[in-house]
């Protein structure tokens, strides 16, 4: 059996998401991996990172790194 929701419910939900989100990701097809769907910003020199922040390496390697200790990044990218 299929599920049905009134258009007002769907539009209202989208309005809440777009009104409160700081990023939107649109895909032309279903992403193959979580990394492909999220694609966070690249790591930066002397950048303040909050606990839980996600970054990718400057040279992409299909990994996303999560900040486990808040602070400022160093002069060179971690290996």
N, C-alpha and C. Protein backbone atom coordinates (compact mmCIF):
# COMPACT_ATOMS: atom_id res chain seq x y z
N UNK A 1 0.84 -1.17 0.00
CA UNK A 1 0.00 0.00 0.00
C UNK A 1 0.89 1.24 0.00
N UNK A 2 0.55 2.19 -0.83
CA UNK A 2 1.36 3.41 -0.90
C UNK A 2 0.96 4.38 0.21
N UNK A 3 1.86 5.25 0.55
CA UNK A 3 1.63 6.27 1.58
C UNK A 3 1.29 7.58 0.89
N UNK A 4 0.48 8.41 1.55
CA UNK A 4 0.08 9.68 0.97
C UNK A 4 0.14 10.77 2.02
N UNK A 5 0.66 11.92 1.63
CA UNK A 5 0.65 13.10 2.51
C UNK A 5 0.14 14.28 1.70
N UNK A 6 -0.63 15.13 2.34
CA UNK A 6 -1.13 16.32 1.67
C UNK A 6 0.04 17.23 1.29
N UNK A 7 -0.09 17.93 0.17
CA UNK A 7 0.97 18.82 -0.29
C UNK A 7 1.36 19.87 0.75
N UNK A 8 0.41 20.34 1.55
CA UNK A 8 0.72 21.33 2.59
C UNK A 8 1.69 20.78 3.62
N UNK A 9 1.58 19.50 3.92
CA UNK A 9 2.50 18.87 4.88
C UNK A 9 3.90 18.84 4.29
N UNK A 10 4.02 18.42 3.05
CA UNK A 10 5.33 18.34 2.41
C UNK A 10 5.94 19.74 2.24
N UNK A 11 5.14 20.69 1.78
CA UNK A 11 5.65 22.05 1.59
C UNK A 11 6.03 22.69 2.93
N UNK A 12 5.22 22.46 3.96
CA UNK A 12 5.53 23.00 5.28
C UNK A 12 6.82 22.44 5.84
N UNK A 13 7.02 21.15 5.65
CA UNK A 13 8.26 20.52 6.11
C UNK A 13 9.46 21.10 5.38
N UNK A 14 9.34 21.27 4.08
CA UNK A 14 10.44 21.86 3.30
C UNK A 14 10.72 23.29 3.75
N UNK A 15 9.67 24.06 4.05
CA UNK A 15 9.86 25.43 4.54
C UNK A 15 10.62 25.44 5.87
N UNK A 16 10.32 24.50 6.76
CA UNK A 16 11.03 24.42 8.04
C UNK A 16 12.49 24.09 7.82
N UNK A 17 12.75 23.13 6.94
CA UNK A 17 14.14 22.73 6.67
C UNK A 17 14.91 23.89 6.06
N UNK A 18 14.37 24.51 5.02
CA UNK A 18 15.11 25.58 4.36
C UNK A 18 15.22 26.83 5.22
N UNK A 19 14.28 27.03 6.14
CA UNK A 19 14.34 28.19 7.02
C UNK A 19 15.33 28.03 8.16
N UNK A 20 15.72 26.80 8.47
CA UNK A 20 16.59 26.55 9.62
C UNK A 20 17.94 25.95 9.26
N UNK A 21 18.10 25.47 8.06
CA UNK A 21 19.36 24.82 7.65
C UNK A 21 20.35 25.88 7.16
N UNK A 22 21.64 25.61 7.35
CA UNK A 22 22.65 26.52 6.83
C UNK A 22 23.28 25.99 5.54
N UNK A 23 22.87 24.81 5.11
CA UNK A 23 23.34 24.22 3.86
C UNK A 23 22.24 23.39 3.25
N UNK A 24 22.23 23.34 1.92
CA UNK A 24 21.34 22.44 1.21
C UNK A 24 22.18 21.70 0.19
N UNK A 25 21.97 20.43 0.07
CA UNK A 25 22.66 19.62 -0.92
C UNK A 25 21.63 19.04 -1.86
N UNK A 26 21.80 19.26 -3.15
CA UNK A 26 20.90 18.70 -4.14
C UNK A 26 21.69 17.73 -5.00
N UNK A 27 21.12 16.58 -5.26
CA UNK A 27 21.79 15.54 -6.03
C UNK A 27 20.97 15.21 -7.28
N UNK A 28 21.65 14.96 -8.37
CA UNK A 28 20.95 14.58 -9.59
C UNK A 28 20.56 13.10 -9.55
N UNK A 29 21.17 12.36 -8.64
CA UNK A 29 20.83 10.96 -8.43
C UNK A 29 21.21 10.58 -7.01
N UNK A 30 20.82 9.42 -6.56
CA UNK A 30 21.14 9.01 -5.20
C UNK A 30 22.65 8.88 -5.03
N UNK A 31 23.23 9.50 -3.98
CA UNK A 31 24.67 9.39 -3.76
C UNK A 31 25.08 7.95 -3.50
N UNK A 32 26.27 7.61 -3.97
CA UNK A 32 26.78 6.24 -3.77
C UNK A 32 27.34 6.05 -2.37
N UNK A 33 27.84 7.13 -1.77
CA UNK A 33 28.43 7.05 -0.44
C UNK A 33 27.99 8.24 0.40
N UNK A 34 28.15 8.12 1.72
CA UNK A 34 27.86 9.23 2.63
C UNK A 34 28.75 10.42 2.27
N UNK A 35 30.01 10.17 1.98
CA UNK A 35 30.96 11.22 1.65
C UNK A 35 30.48 12.01 0.44
N UNK A 36 30.00 11.31 -0.56
CA UNK A 36 29.51 11.96 -1.77
C UNK A 36 28.31 12.86 -1.46
N UNK A 37 27.48 12.44 -0.52
CA UNK A 37 26.29 13.22 -0.16
C UNK A 37 26.63 14.45 0.68
N UNK A 38 27.60 14.34 1.57
CA UNK A 38 27.90 15.42 2.51
C UNK A 38 28.89 16.42 1.94
N UNK A 39 30.01 15.95 1.44
CA UNK A 39 31.08 16.77 0.86
C UNK A 39 31.35 18.05 1.64
N UNK A 40 31.92 17.93 2.84
CA UNK A 40 32.22 19.12 3.65
C UNK A 40 33.35 19.94 3.05
N UNK A 41 33.57 21.10 3.62
CA UNK A 41 34.64 21.99 3.16
C UNK A 41 36.00 21.36 3.39
N UNK A 42 36.98 21.80 2.62
CA UNK A 42 38.35 21.30 2.76
C UNK A 42 39.00 21.86 4.02
N UNK A 43 39.92 21.10 4.59
CA UNK A 43 40.69 21.51 5.76
C UNK A 43 41.43 22.80 5.42
N UNK A 44 41.59 23.70 6.43
CA UNK A 44 42.29 24.97 6.21
C UNK A 44 43.32 25.21 7.30
N UNK A 45 44.36 25.93 6.95
CA UNK A 45 45.42 26.33 7.88
C UNK A 45 44.87 27.36 8.87
N UNK A 46 45.29 27.27 10.13
CA UNK A 46 44.94 28.23 11.19
C UNK A 46 43.44 28.53 11.24
N UNK A 47 42.65 27.50 11.15
CA UNK A 47 41.19 27.63 11.17
C UNK A 47 40.67 27.12 12.50
N UNK A 48 39.74 27.85 13.12
CA UNK A 48 39.11 27.40 14.36
C UNK A 48 38.06 26.35 14.00
N UNK A 49 38.15 25.19 14.65
CA UNK A 49 37.19 24.11 14.42
C UNK A 49 36.50 23.75 15.74
N UNK A 50 35.19 23.65 15.68
CA UNK A 50 34.40 23.26 16.84
C UNK A 50 34.37 21.74 16.97
N UNK A 51 34.14 21.27 18.16
CA UNK A 51 33.99 19.84 18.39
C UNK A 51 32.89 19.29 17.48
N UNK A 52 33.19 18.25 16.77
CA UNK A 52 32.22 17.62 15.87
C UNK A 52 32.23 18.15 14.45
N UNK A 53 33.01 19.21 14.18
CA UNK A 53 33.08 19.76 12.82
C UNK A 53 33.62 18.71 11.86
N UNK A 54 33.10 18.69 10.65
CA UNK A 54 33.55 17.74 9.63
C UNK A 54 34.29 18.48 8.54
N UNK A 55 35.43 17.95 8.12
CA UNK A 55 36.21 18.51 7.02
C UNK A 55 36.71 17.36 6.16
N UNK A 56 37.08 17.69 4.95
CA UNK A 56 37.71 16.70 4.07
C UNK A 56 39.15 17.15 3.84
N UNK A 57 40.01 16.22 3.47
CA UNK A 57 41.39 16.63 3.17
C UNK A 57 41.42 17.49 1.90
N UNK A 58 42.45 18.32 1.78
CA UNK A 58 42.60 19.19 0.61
C UNK A 58 42.67 18.32 -0.65
N UNK A 59 43.48 17.27 -0.60
CA UNK A 59 43.52 16.30 -1.69
C UNK A 59 42.52 15.21 -1.34
N UNK A 60 41.44 15.15 -2.09
CA UNK A 60 40.35 14.22 -1.78
C UNK A 60 40.84 12.77 -1.74
N UNK A 61 40.33 12.04 -0.72
CA UNK A 61 40.67 10.62 -0.60
C UNK A 61 39.46 9.79 -0.14
N UNK A 62 38.26 10.35 -0.33
CA UNK A 62 37.00 9.70 0.05
C UNK A 62 36.82 9.55 1.56
N UNK A 63 37.56 10.32 2.35
CA UNK A 63 37.37 10.33 3.79
C UNK A 63 36.83 11.67 4.24
N UNK A 64 36.10 11.66 5.33
CA UNK A 64 35.65 12.87 6.01
C UNK A 64 36.18 12.77 7.42
N UNK A 65 36.80 13.84 7.91
CA UNK A 65 37.39 13.83 9.23
C UNK A 65 36.53 14.66 10.19
N UNK A 66 36.38 14.16 11.42
CA UNK A 66 35.58 14.83 12.43
C UNK A 66 36.50 15.36 13.52
N UNK A 67 36.27 16.61 13.93
CA UNK A 67 37.05 17.23 14.98
C UNK A 67 36.69 16.59 16.32
N UNK A 68 37.68 16.05 17.01
CA UNK A 68 37.45 15.41 18.30
C UNK A 68 37.91 16.27 19.47
N UNK A 69 38.59 17.37 19.16
CA UNK A 69 39.02 18.32 20.20
C UNK A 69 38.97 19.71 19.58
N UNK A 70 38.09 20.56 20.10
CA UNK A 70 37.95 21.91 19.55
C UNK A 70 39.24 22.68 19.66
N UNK A 71 39.51 23.53 18.67
CA UNK A 71 40.71 24.34 18.68
C UNK A 71 41.02 24.88 17.30
N UNK A 72 42.26 25.35 17.13
CA UNK A 72 42.70 25.94 15.87
C UNK A 72 43.67 24.99 15.18
N UNK A 73 43.47 24.82 13.89
CA UNK A 73 44.34 23.92 13.12
C UNK A 73 45.73 24.50 13.01
N UNK A 74 46.69 23.64 12.73
CA UNK A 74 48.08 24.04 12.62
C UNK A 74 48.46 24.57 11.25
N UNK A 75 49.77 24.63 11.01
CA UNK A 75 50.29 25.17 9.76
C UNK A 75 50.28 24.16 8.63
N UNK A 76 50.17 22.87 8.95
CA UNK A 76 50.14 21.87 7.89
C UNK A 76 49.03 20.86 8.15
N UNK A 77 48.48 20.35 7.08
CA UNK A 77 47.38 19.40 7.16
C UNK A 77 47.83 18.10 7.83
N UNK A 78 47.03 17.56 8.71
CA UNK A 78 47.40 16.27 9.33
C UNK A 78 47.53 15.17 8.27
N UNK A 79 48.36 14.20 8.56
CA UNK A 79 48.54 13.10 7.59
C UNK A 79 47.62 11.96 7.92
